[in-house]
Each structure stands twice: as structure tokens, then as C-alpha cells.
Amino acid sequence: MAFDIVPLQRLERGYLQVMRINALIGWGLLAGLAAAGEFLLRSRTGWPFGVVWGPVAALGLLSVLVLAPGRWRRWGYAFTERELHVARGWLVRVHTVVPVARVQHIDVSQGPLERGAGVATLRLHTAGTEGSLVTLPGISAARAEEIRDAIRARIDDAPW
């Protein structure tokens, strides 16, 4: 059985900023905890400031400046009238194909950061248990609604 190769589109560039801000928030909280722990540790050991906090801050900067763009580049998607392809991952590459006929429920969501960047997350719920939720973040809100409406039209036309 032969499969057609479907060219994948990248996520919207605005989603890279969302990923960076999310990483910055998470690592910022961790760096704050590390600084507080280091303050307590310094009072007991006399270690110089930065022994604990410095590596955490360096890892946070690495995550925001290098790892987030790398993760963003590893995402791709394609929508044909019959299926949605979602690909992600570097070490473990995951390419999910969702036949439109299997979709039972569709969500389009936007958090505050996504709204600011003009992107949305499309979630498809399918029959089954494992892998029954397929998430596609970082596409334009208009494209997410377009895909949702196309799938909904196909679902409405399907004979039960």
C-alpha cells in the first residue's frame, strides 16, 4: 500500500514567541526558587551567590533562546479534505494522521498569550482511547476556524 507524501506547513511565527514566553515564565519561577534556596544555603555555608541560581538561569536562557526555536521548527501540519497531518519531535518524531471521518469533537482555543500572537490551538477528539486527542497549536486563528468548519461540514455530510 503506497502513501502519498503530504508537504507540511510550519506553525505561525507568532507561536515561537508564545513558546519563548511560556519557557521564560517557567524558568523564571524556577530561578526565583533557586535564588531563594541559594539565599538560605549561603547563610549556612558561605558559598558565593550564583552557585545554585547561576546554572538554573543559564539553563533557562538556553531553553528560551535555543530550545524553544528548535521545538518550533520541528512542528508541521497539513490539512487535506480527507485528513489532518500533525508532525512534531526531534529525537522521537511523531507524525499523526487523523482521518476527518473519525473526528467526533473539535475545539479551537486561545489563551491570552496566543490571542496576543494571533494564533490558536486546534484540538481534535476521535474515537478510541490512546491517541484520541490530537492537538495542533500555533496556527492562525482564521486557519484553525477554517479547518474546524471544513471538518464540521464533512461530519454533517457523513451518513450514520
Protein backbone atom coordinates (compact mmCIF):
# COMPACT_ATOMS: atom_id res chain seq x y z
CA MET A 1 0.00 0.00 0.00
CA ALA A 2 1.51 3.32 -1.07
CA PHE A 3 1.13 6.54 0.85
CA ASP A 4 1.10 9.98 -0.68
CA ILE A 5 3.70 12.33 0.75
CA VAL A 6 1.96 15.42 2.06
CA PRO A 7 4.06 18.60 2.28
CA LEU A 8 3.84 20.07 5.78
CA GLN A 9 3.38 23.72 6.67
CA ARG A 10 5.18 25.35 9.57
CA LEU A 11 3.42 26.80 12.56
CA GLU A 12 2.88 30.56 12.64
CA ARG A 13 5.93 32.60 13.66
CA GLY A 14 3.89 34.19 16.45
CA TYR A 15 3.73 30.82 18.18
CA LEU A 16 7.51 30.91 18.63
CA GLN A 17 7.03 33.97 20.84
CA VAL A 18 4.34 32.12 22.81
CA MET A 19 6.74 29.21 23.34
CA ARG A 20 9.51 31.57 24.44
CA ILE A 21 7.27 33.41 26.89
CA ASN A 22 5.99 30.13 28.36
CA ALA A 23 9.57 28.92 28.80
CA LEU A 24 10.57 32.25 30.33
CA ILE A 25 7.71 32.09 32.84
CA GLY A 26 8.52 28.50 33.86
CA TRP A 27 12.26 29.02 34.11
CA GLY A 28 11.74 32.40 35.81
CA LEU A 29 9.74 30.74 38.57
CA LEU A 30 12.36 28.01 38.90
CA ALA A 31 15.17 30.60 39.01
CA GLY A 32 13.28 32.50 41.72
CA LEU A 33 13.01 29.34 43.81
CA ALA A 34 16.69 28.61 43.19
CA ALA A 35 17.63 32.14 44.29
CA ALA A 36 15.56 31.77 47.47
CA GLY A 37 17.14 28.38 48.17
CA GLU A 38 20.57 29.80 47.50
CA PHE A 39 19.93 32.67 49.90
CA LEU A 40 19.17 30.15 52.66
CA LEU A 41 22.14 28.00 51.65
CA ARG A 42 24.53 30.97 51.62
CA SER A 43 23.64 31.90 55.18
CA ARG A 44 24.70 28.42 56.32
CA THR A 45 27.63 27.64 54.04
CA GLY A 46 29.05 30.99 52.97
CA TRP A 47 29.07 29.98 49.29
CA PRO A 48 29.22 32.83 46.79
CA PHE A 49 26.00 33.99 45.18
CA GLY A 50 25.28 32.24 41.88
CA VAL A 51 26.35 28.68 42.70
CA VAL A 52 22.76 27.39 42.52
CA TRP A 53 20.95 30.25 40.81
CA GLY A 54 23.52 30.71 38.02
CA PRO A 55 23.19 27.27 36.39
CA VAL A 56 19.39 27.44 36.62
CA ALA A 57 19.38 30.87 34.96
CA ALA A 58 21.79 29.63 32.27
CA LEU A 59 19.57 26.62 31.51
CA GLY A 60 16.57 28.94 31.37
CA LEU A 61 18.28 31.21 28.86
CA LEU A 62 19.30 28.19 26.81
CA SER A 63 15.70 26.99 26.83
CA VAL A 64 14.28 30.37 25.80
CA LEU A 65 16.86 31.28 23.16
CA VAL A 66 17.82 27.89 21.65
CA LEU A 67 15.47 25.07 22.62
CA ALA A 68 12.16 26.89 22.04
CA PRO A 69 13.05 27.79 18.42
CA GLY A 70 14.25 24.21 17.89
CA ARG A 71 10.96 22.80 19.14
CA TRP A 72 9.03 25.29 17.00
CA ARG A 73 10.93 24.23 13.86
CA ARG A 74 10.09 20.56 14.50
CA TRP A 75 6.31 21.12 14.22
CA GLY A 76 4.44 20.88 10.94
CA TYR A 77 0.93 20.22 9.72
CA ALA A 78 -1.12 19.70 6.58
CA PHE A 79 -4.84 19.58 6.03
CA THR A 80 -6.36 17.84 3.05
CA GLU A 81 -10.09 17.49 2.68
CA ARG A 82 -9.84 13.90 3.99
CA GLU A 83 -7.26 14.08 6.79
CA LEU A 84 -5.17 16.25 9.10
CA HIS A 85 -1.45 15.54 9.41
CA VAL A 86 0.41 16.73 12.51
CA ALA A 87 4.15 16.11 12.85
CA ARG A 88 6.40 17.02 15.77
CA GLY A 89 9.52 15.94 17.61
CA TRP A 90 13.23 15.70 17.05
CA LEU A 91 14.61 12.63 18.77
CA VAL A 92 11.27 10.84 18.63
CA ARG A 93 9.45 12.04 15.53
CA VAL A 94 5.67 11.65 15.73
CA HIS A 95 3.54 12.02 12.59
CA THR A 96 -0.16 11.69 13.35
CA VAL A 97 -2.75 11.34 10.61
CA VAL A 98 -6.35 11.95 11.62
CA PRO A 99 -8.98 10.91 9.08
CA VAL A 100 -11.76 13.51 9.04
CA ALA A 101 -14.35 10.73 9.22
CA ARG A 102 -13.00 9.71 12.66
CA VAL A 103 -13.38 13.15 14.27
CA GLN A 104 -16.09 13.36 16.92
CA HIS A 105 -15.41 16.72 18.53
CA ILE A 106 -13.41 19.82 17.57
CA ASP A 107 -12.12 22.64 19.78
CA VAL A 108 -10.44 25.90 18.82
CA SER A 109 -8.92 27.66 21.80
CA GLN A 110 -6.78 30.72 22.50
CA GLY A 111 -5.12 31.68 25.75
CA PRO A 112 -4.07 35.28 26.43
CA LEU A 113 -0.58 34.77 25.00
CA GLU A 114 -1.97 33.08 21.90
CA ARG A 115 -4.51 35.87 21.38
CA GLY A 116 -1.71 38.41 21.60
CA ALA A 117 0.30 36.49 18.99
CA GLY A 118 -2.72 35.91 16.74
CA VAL A 119 -2.53 32.13 16.94
CA ALA A 120 -4.85 29.39 18.19
CA THR A 121 -4.82 25.72 19.16
CA LEU A 122 -6.94 23.19 17.28
CA ARG A 123 -7.90 20.05 19.21
CA LEU A 124 -9.49 17.06 17.52
CA HIS A 125 -11.17 14.33 19.55
CA THR A 126 -11.51 10.99 17.82
CA ALA A 127 -12.96 7.60 18.68
CA GLY A 128 -10.76 5.40 20.83
CA THR A 129 -8.70 5.84 23.97
CA GLU A 130 -4.97 6.10 23.23
CA GLY A 131 -4.22 8.98 20.92
CA SER A 132 -7.86 10.05 20.81
CA LEU A 133 -6.88 13.70 21.33
CA VAL A 134 -4.76 15.34 18.65
CA THR A 135 -3.55 18.86 19.34
CA LEU A 136 -2.25 21.32 16.77
CA PRO A 137 -1.01 24.53 18.43
CA GLY A 138 0.33 27.65 16.80
CA ILE A 139 -1.79 28.04 13.68
CA SER A 140 -3.55 31.27 12.83
CA ALA A 141 -6.97 31.66 14.39
CA ALA A 142 -8.51 32.06 10.94
CA ARG A 143 -6.84 28.84 9.69
CA ALA A 144 -7.98 26.93 12.81
CA GLU A 145 -11.56 28.06 12.26
CA GLU A 146 -11.30 27.21 8.56
CA ILE A 147 -10.14 23.65 9.35
CA ARG A 148 -12.80 23.31 12.05
CA ASP A 149 -15.56 24.41 9.66
CA ALA A 150 -14.31 22.10 6.88
CA ILE A 151 -14.26 19.11 9.24
CA ARG A 152 -17.65 20.00 10.66
CA ALA A 153 -19.10 20.18 7.13
CA ARG A 154 -17.65 16.73 6.36
CA ILE A 155 -19.04 15.32 9.61
CA ASP A 156 -22.50 16.77 8.86
CA ASP A 157 -22.45 15.17 5.41
CA ALA A 158 -21.37 11.74 6.69
CA PRO A 159 -24.08 9.07 6.69
CA TRP A 160 -24.71 7.45 10.06
